[in-house]
Amino acid sequence: MPFGDPPDYVHLRTNESQMQLISMGDQPETPSGSPCFNTSSTREEAPAVVFIPGKGTARWWRGRTSLERILMLAIVLLVLLSAVLLAVILNMDRREYTKTTSAPSELPSGSSSTQKVPTSTTLPSEPPVCTTIGCVRAANAIINAMNTSVNPCEDFYEFACGKWNEDHPIPDDMSGFGTFSHVREQVRLQLRGTQ
């Protein structure tokens, strides 16, 4: 029997037992007080053993409901799709890695094999510095909020925000005051037209 196949089954009739089948060999009759072994009806009849082979794959599949079949097929398809997507993603990642780490090995079209192919050994340039009005104002606000007289290794918060805290004390009617509160107050004053 192959591994994983269900076992074969033996079914008995209702008036028989396993002991009765075992005793029905070529043994001489022994008197017994049990009606199962000494009755004439059981000795004269052939044992009623029905052999039912183990269920095969086709019988197992036919025993499933249509919803179970659809769900099993959907699971198989999802597993296959996941495996394919994983392979594609890993392949793309590997290509990106080899593209960025290796020098070009192919010669340009129309060139002979004796020509040298220039390889780029320069490091990527620094990103361009933002010089728009918004960037300059934001940089100015950050620099104006800093207290450069404090050592940043000892008190970084005072170094980064000390001057802003001096210039913007917490109002009496507020429990906290930060940059968002300051901007909100400026917008409110601009909407009133007082500034």
C-alpha atoms as a PDB file:
ATOM      1  CA  MET A   1       0.000   0.000   0.000  1.00  0.00           C
ATOM      2  CA  PRO A   2       1.597   3.338  -1.036  1.00  0.00           C
ATOM      3  CA  PHE A   3       2.286   5.890   1.653  1.00  0.00           C
ATOM      4  CA  GLY A   4      -0.615   8.213   2.319  1.00  0.00           C
ATOM      5  CA  ASP A   5      -3.314   5.952   0.869  1.00  0.00           C
ATOM      6  CA  PRO A   6      -6.128   5.078   3.234  1.00  0.00           C
ATOM      7  CA  PRO A   7      -6.283   1.420   4.356  1.00  0.00           C
ATOM      8  CA  ASP A   8      -8.620  -1.184   2.930  1.00  0.00           C
ATOM      9  CA  TYR A   9     -11.723  -1.961   4.972  1.00  0.00           C
ATOM     10  CA  VAL A  10     -13.537  -5.216   5.820  1.00  0.00           C
ATOM     11  CA  HIS A  11     -17.215  -4.960   6.692  1.00  0.00           C
ATOM     12  CA  LEU A  12     -19.080  -7.699   8.557  1.00  0.00           C
ATOM     13  CA  ARG A  13     -22.743  -8.468   8.531  1.00  0.00           C
ATOM     14  CA  THR A  14     -24.647  -7.493  11.629  1.00  0.00           C
ATOM     15  CA  ASN A  15     -24.913 -11.056  12.981  1.00  0.00           C
ATOM     16  CA  GLU A  16     -21.175 -11.765  12.733  1.00  0.00           C
ATOM     17  CA  SER A  17     -18.193 -10.831  14.792  1.00  0.00           C
ATOM     18  CA  GLN A  18     -14.452 -10.905  14.256  1.00  0.00           C
ATOM     19  CA  MET A  19     -14.120 -13.915  16.510  1.00  0.00           C
ATOM     20  CA  GLN A  20     -16.585 -15.771  14.349  1.00  0.00           C
ATOM     21  CA  LEU A  21     -14.500 -15.097  11.244  1.00  0.00           C
ATOM     22  CA  ILE A  22     -11.316 -16.190  12.946  1.00  0.00           C
ATOM     23  CA  SER A  23     -12.859 -19.459  14.109  1.00  0.00           C
ATOM     24  CA  MET A  24     -14.197 -20.359  10.664  1.00  0.00           C
ATOM     25  CA  GLY A  25     -10.931 -21.802   9.459  1.00  0.00           C
ATOM     26  CA  ASP A  26     -10.245 -25.531   8.974  1.00  0.00           C
ATOM     27  CA  GLN A  27     -10.435 -26.200  12.676  1.00  0.00           C
ATOM     28  CA  PRO A  28     -12.524 -29.032  14.048  1.00  0.00           C
ATOM     29  CA  GLU A  29     -15.719 -28.040  15.760  1.00  0.00           C
ATOM     30  CA  THR A  30     -15.445 -27.616  19.477  1.00  0.00           C
ATOM     31  CA  PRO A  31     -18.520 -27.478  21.606  1.00  0.00           C
ATOM     32  CA  SER A  32     -19.016 -24.073  23.065  1.00  0.00           C
ATOM     33  CA  GLY A  33     -21.699 -22.403  25.064  1.00  0.00           C
ATOM     34  CA  SER A  34     -21.585 -19.390  22.767  1.00  0.00           C
ATOM     35  CA  PRO A  35     -24.385 -19.213  20.239  1.00  0.00           C
ATOM     36  CA  CYS A  36     -22.061 -17.428  17.816  1.00  0.00           C
ATOM     37  CA  PHE A  37     -19.752 -20.402  17.358  1.00  0.00           C
ATOM     38  CA  ASN A  38     -21.982 -23.446  17.452  1.00  0.00           C
ATOM     39  CA  THR A  39     -25.128 -22.454  15.644  1.00  0.00           C
ATOM     40  CA  SER A  40     -25.813 -24.294  12.490  1.00  0.00           C
ATOM     41  CA  SER A  41     -26.793 -21.170  10.598  1.00  0.00           C
ATOM     42  CA  THR A  42     -23.399 -19.561  11.027  1.00  0.00           C
ATOM     43  CA  ARG A  43     -21.465 -22.738  10.197  1.00  0.00           C
ATOM     44  CA  GLU A  44     -23.299 -23.454   7.014  1.00  0.00           C
ATOM     45  CA  GLU A  45     -23.191 -19.924   5.590  1.00  0.00           C
ATOM     46  CA  ALA A  46     -20.116 -18.524   4.017  1.00  0.00           C
ATOM     47  CA  PRO A  47     -18.824 -15.584   5.949  1.00  0.00           C
ATOM     48  CA  ALA A  48     -20.216 -12.332   4.661  1.00  0.00           C
ATOM     49  CA  VAL A  49     -17.094 -10.267   4.260  1.00  0.00           C
ATOM     50  CA  VAL A  50     -17.299  -7.284   1.991  1.00  0.00           C
ATOM     51  CA  PHE A  51     -13.986  -5.945   0.798  1.00  0.00           C
ATOM     52  CA  ILE A  52     -13.938  -2.190   0.179  1.00  0.00           C
ATOM     53  CA  PRO A  53     -10.663  -0.944  -1.277  1.00  0.00           C
ATOM     54  CA  GLY A  54      -9.115   2.252   0.043  1.00  0.00           C
ATOM     55  CA  LYS A  55     -10.341   5.464  -1.446  1.00  0.00           C
ATOM     56  CA  GLY A  56      -8.311   6.681  -4.379  1.00  0.00           C
ATOM     57  CA  THR A  57      -7.655  10.272  -5.284  1.00  0.00           C
ATOM     58  CA  ALA A  58     -10.509  10.379  -7.777  1.00  0.00           C
ATOM     59  CA  ARG A  59     -12.993   9.048  -5.223  1.00  0.00           C
ATOM     60  CA  TRP A  60     -11.681  11.524  -2.676  1.00  0.00           C
ATOM     61  CA  TRP A  61     -12.112  14.435  -5.114  1.00  0.00           C
ATOM     62  CA  ARG A  62     -15.624  13.310  -6.031  1.00  0.00           C
ATOM     63  CA  GLY A  63     -16.523  13.232  -2.340  1.00  0.00           C
ATOM     64  CA  ARG A  64     -15.859  16.973  -1.986  1.00  0.00           C
ATOM     65  CA  THR A  65     -18.553  19.601  -2.331  1.00  0.00           C
ATOM     66  CA  SER A  66     -18.312  22.151  -5.112  1.00  0.00           C
ATOM     67  CA  LEU A  67     -17.420  24.898  -2.627  1.00  0.00           C
ATOM     68  CA  GLU A  68     -14.559  22.791  -1.234  1.00  0.00           C
ATOM     69  CA  ARG A  69     -13.281  22.106  -4.751  1.00  0.00           C
ATOM     70  CA  ILE A  70     -13.369  25.797  -5.679  1.00  0.00           C
ATOM     71  CA  LEU A  71     -11.608  26.808  -2.469  1.00  0.00           C
ATOM     72  CA  MET A  72      -8.908  24.147  -2.902  1.00  0.00           C
ATOM     73  CA  LEU A  73      -8.252  25.272  -6.470  1.00  0.00           C
ATOM     74  CA  ALA A  74      -8.137  28.907  -5.331  1.00  0.00           C
ATOM     75  CA  ILE A  75      -5.599  28.045  -2.635  1.00  0.00           C
ATOM     76  CA  VAL A  76      -3.410  26.172  -5.119  1.00  0.00           C
ATOM     77  CA  LEU A  77      -3.576  29.086  -7.571  1.00  0.00           C
ATOM     78  CA  LEU A  78      -2.723  31.610  -4.836  1.00  0.00           C
ATOM     79  CA  VAL A  79       0.270  29.557  -3.724  1.00  0.00           C
ATOM     80  CA  LEU A  80       1.518  29.310  -7.314  1.00  0.00           C
ATOM     81  CA  LEU A  81       0.962  33.029  -7.905  1.00  0.00           C
ATOM     82  CA  SER A  82       2.802  33.885  -4.687  1.00  0.00           C
ATOM     83  CA  ALA A  83       5.739  31.710  -5.708  1.00  0.00           C
ATOM     84  CA  VAL A  84       5.917  33.345  -9.146  1.00  0.00           C
ATOM     85  CA  LEU A  85       5.715  36.866  -7.696  1.00  0.00           C
ATOM     86  CA  LEU A  86       8.385  36.061  -5.128  1.00  0.00           C
ATOM     87  CA  ALA A  87      10.671  34.736  -7.869  1.00  0.00           C
ATOM     88  CA  VAL A  88      10.097  37.857  -9.997  1.00  0.00           C
ATOM     89  CA  ILE A  89      10.776  40.220  -7.091  1.00  0.00           C
ATOM     90  CA  LEU A  90      13.941  38.390  -6.070  1.00  0.00           C
ATOM     91  CA  ASN A  91      15.131  38.340  -9.681  1.00  0.00           C
ATOM     92  CA  MET A  92      14.500  42.088 -10.085  1.00  0.00           C
ATOM     93  CA  ASP A  93      16.309  42.812  -6.821  1.00  0.00           C
ATOM     94  CA  ARG A  94      19.255  40.682  -7.921  1.00  0.00           C
ATOM     95  CA  ARG A  95      19.394  42.464 -11.292  1.00  0.00           C
ATOM     96  CA  GLU A  96      19.366  45.884  -9.615  1.00  0.00           C
ATOM     97  CA  TYR A  97      22.171  44.797  -7.301  1.00  0.00           C
ATOM     98  CA  THR A  98      24.333  43.446 -10.122  1.00  0.00           C
ATOM     99  CA  LYS A  99      23.576  46.493 -12.280  1.00  0.00           C
ATOM    100  CA  THR A 100      24.762  48.931  -9.603  1.00  0.00           C
ATOM    101  CA  THR A 101      27.821  46.955  -8.461  1.00  0.00           C
ATOM    102  CA  SER A 102      29.303  45.701 -11.729  1.00  0.00           C
ATOM    103  CA  ALA A 103      30.971  47.682 -14.485  1.00  0.00           C
ATOM    104  CA  PRO A 104      29.485  47.370 -17.971  1.00  0.00           C
ATOM    105  CA  SER A 105      31.022  44.378 -19.731  1.00  0.00           C
ATOM    106  CA  GLU A 106      29.390  44.724 -23.115  1.00  0.00           C
ATOM    107  CA  LEU A 107      30.984  46.670 -25.885  1.00  0.00           C
ATOM    108  CA  PRO A 108      28.971  49.374 -27.591  1.00  0.00           C
ATOM    109  CA  SER A 109      27.594  48.369 -30.974  1.00  0.00           C
ATOM    110  CA  GLY A 110      29.916  49.045 -33.864  1.00  0.00           C
ATOM    111  CA  SER A 111      33.078  48.850 -31.789  1.00  0.00           C
ATOM    112  CA  SER A 112      35.789  46.312 -32.172  1.00  0.00           C
ATOM    113  CA  SER A 113      37.076  44.134 -29.395  1.00  0.00           C
ATOM    114  CA  THR A 114      40.404  46.013 -29.294  1.00  0.00           C
ATOM    115  CA  GLN A 115      38.847  49.292 -28.199  1.00  0.00           C
ATOM    116  CA  LYS A 116      38.775  50.161 -24.529  1.00  0.00           C
ATOM    117  CA  VAL A 117      35.379  50.725 -23.011  1.00  0.00           C
ATOM    118  CA  PRO A 118      35.383  53.679 -20.622  1.00  0.00           C
ATOM    119  CA  THR A 119      34.092  52.800 -17.185  1.00  0.00           C
ATOM    120  CA  SER A 120      32.769  55.403 -14.841  1.00  0.00           C
ATOM    121  CA  THR A 121      34.861  55.560 -11.669  1.00  0.00           C
ATOM    122  CA  THR A 122      33.505  58.861 -10.417  1.00  0.00           C
ATOM    123  CA  LEU A 123      31.348  58.898  -7.348  1.00  0.00           C
ATOM    124  CA  PRO A 124      27.831  60.229  -7.675  1.00  0.00           C
ATOM    125  CA  SER A 125      27.744  63.980  -7.244  1.00  0.00           C
ATOM    126  CA  GLU A 126      26.209  65.639  -4.228  1.00  0.00           C
ATOM    127  CA  PRO A 127      22.521  66.414  -4.559  1.00  0.00           C
ATOM    128  CA  PRO A 128      21.876  69.993  -5.621  1.00  0.00           C
ATOM    129  CA  VAL A 129      21.261  72.504  -2.853  1.00  0.00           C
ATOM    130  CA  CYS A 130      17.743  73.890  -2.742  1.00  0.00           C
ATOM    131  CA  THR A 131      17.837  77.654  -3.255  1.00  0.00           C
ATOM    132  CA  THR A 132      14.150  78.395  -3.682  1.00  0.00           C
ATOM    133  CA  ILE A 133      12.531  81.056  -1.513  1.00  0.00           C
ATOM    134  CA  GLY A 134      10.759  78.446   0.633  1.00  0.00           C
ATOM    135  CA  CYS A 135      13.956  76.475   1.255  1.00  0.00           C
ATOM    136  CA  VAL A 136      15.918  79.595   2.127  1.00  0.00           C
ATOM    137  CA  ARG A 137      13.215  80.772   4.560  1.00  0.00           C
ATOM    138  CA  ALA A 138      13.030  77.331   6.219  1.00  0.00           C
ATOM    139  CA  ALA A 139      16.824  77.190   6.581  1.00  0.00           C
ATOM    140  CA  ASN A 140      16.811  80.732   7.990  1.00  0.00           C
ATOM    141  CA  ALA A 141      14.118  79.787  10.548  1.00  0.00           C
ATOM    142  CA  ILE A 142      16.111  76.739  11.650  1.00  0.00           C
ATOM    143  CA  ILE A 143      19.332  78.724  12.002  1.00  0.00           C
ATOM    144  CA  ASN A 144      17.556  81.519  13.906  1.00  0.00           C
ATOM    145  CA  ALA A 145      16.080  78.949  16.339  1.00  0.00           C
ATOM    146  CA  MET A 146      19.527  77.543  17.218  1.00  0.00           C
ATOM    147  CA  ASN A 147      21.556  78.589  20.235  1.00  0.00           C
ATOM    148  CA  THR A 148      25.094  78.115  18.942  1.00  0.00           C
ATOM    149  CA  SER A 149      26.684  79.107  22.256  1.00  0.00           C
ATOM    150  CA  VAL A 150      25.686  75.720  23.757  1.00  0.00           C
ATOM    151  CA  ASN A 151      27.717  72.557  23.134  1.00  0.00           C
ATOM    152  CA  PRO A 152      25.419  70.147  21.204  1.00  0.00           C
ATOM    153  CA  CYS A 153      27.104  67.127  22.815  1.00  0.00           C
ATOM    154  CA  GLU A 154      26.061  68.308  26.279  1.00  0.00           C
ATOM    155  CA  ASP A 155      22.549  69.694  25.637  1.00  0.00           C
ATOM    156  CA  PHE A 156      21.287  69.111  22.121  1.00  0.00           C
ATOM    157  CA  TYR A 157      17.760  70.391  22.802  1.00  0.00           C
ATOM    158  CA  GLU A 158      19.084  73.739  24.012  1.00  0.00           C
ATOM    159  CA  PHE A 159      21.460  73.855  21.026  1.00  0.00           C
ATOM    160  CA  ALA A 160      18.691  73.167  18.476  1.00  0.00           C
ATOM    161  CA  CYS A 161      15.779  75.093  20.078  1.00  0.00           C
ATOM    162  CA  GLY A 162      17.244  77.420  22.717  1.00  0.00           C
ATOM    163  CA  LYS A 163      16.957  80.700  20.821  1.00  0.00           C
ATOM    164  CA  TRP A 164      13.409  79.896  19.654  1.00  0.00           C
ATOM    165  CA  ASN A 165      12.359  79.218  23.252  1.00  0.00           C
ATOM    166  CA  GLU A 166      13.819  82.587  24.324  1.00  0.00           C
ATOM    167  CA  ASP A 167      12.078  84.472  21.505  1.00  0.00           C
ATOM    168  CA  HIS A 168       8.708  82.697  21.933  1.00  0.00           C
ATOM    169  CA  PRO A 169       7.730  82.309  25.594  1.00  0.00           C
ATOM    170  CA  ILE A 170       4.659  80.226  26.422  1.00  0.00           C
ATOM    171  CA  PRO A 171       1.590  82.511  26.679  1.00  0.00           C
ATOM    172  CA  ASP A 172      -0.279  82.521  29.991  1.00  0.00           C
ATOM    173  CA  ASP A 173      -3.487  81.150  28.485  1.00  0.00           C
ATOM    174  CA  MET A 174      -1.735  78.123  26.868  1.00  0.00           C
ATOM    175  CA  SER A 175      -0.153  75.047  28.424  1.00  0.00           C
ATOM    176  CA  GLY A 176       2.352  74.631  25.597  1.00  0.00           C
ATOM    177  CA  PHE A 177       3.627  76.642  22.661  1.00  0.00           C
ATOM    178  CA  GLY A 178       5.482  75.250  19.668  1.00  0.00           C
ATOM    179  CA  THR A 179       6.053  75.991  16.022  1.00  0.00           C
ATOM    180  CA  PHE A 180       2.583  74.776  15.020  1.00  0.00           C
ATOM    181  CA  SER A 181       0.959  76.975  17.660  1.00  0.00           C
ATOM    182  CA  HIS A 182       3.075  79.906  16.481  1.00  0.00           C
ATOM    183  CA  VAL A 183       2.094  79.391  12.823  1.00  0.00           C
ATOM    184  CA  ARG A 184      -1.572  78.982  13.803  1.00  0.00           C
ATOM    185  CA  GLU A 185      -1.422  82.267  15.718  1.00  0.00           C
ATOM    186  CA  GLN A 186       0.221  84.030  12.762  1.00  0.00           C
ATOM    187  CA  VAL A 187      -2.482  82.749  10.368  1.00  0.00           C
ATOM    188  CA  ARG A 188      -5.201  83.870  12.784  1.00  0.00           C
ATOM    189  CA  LEU A 189      -3.680  87.347  12.993  1.00  0.00           C
ATOM    190  CA  GLN A 190      -3.341  87.539   9.202  1.00  0.00           C
ATOM    191  CA  LEU A 191      -6.992  86.568   8.743  1.00  0.00           C
ATOM    192  CA  ARG A 192      -8.027  89.319  11.152  1.00  0.00           C
ATOM    193  CA  GLY A 193      -5.883  91.759   9.187  1.00  0.00           C
ATOM    194  CA  THR A 194      -4.007  93.030  12.211  1.00  0.00           C
ATOM    195  CA  GLN A 195      -0.554  92.157  10.991  1.00  0.00           C
END
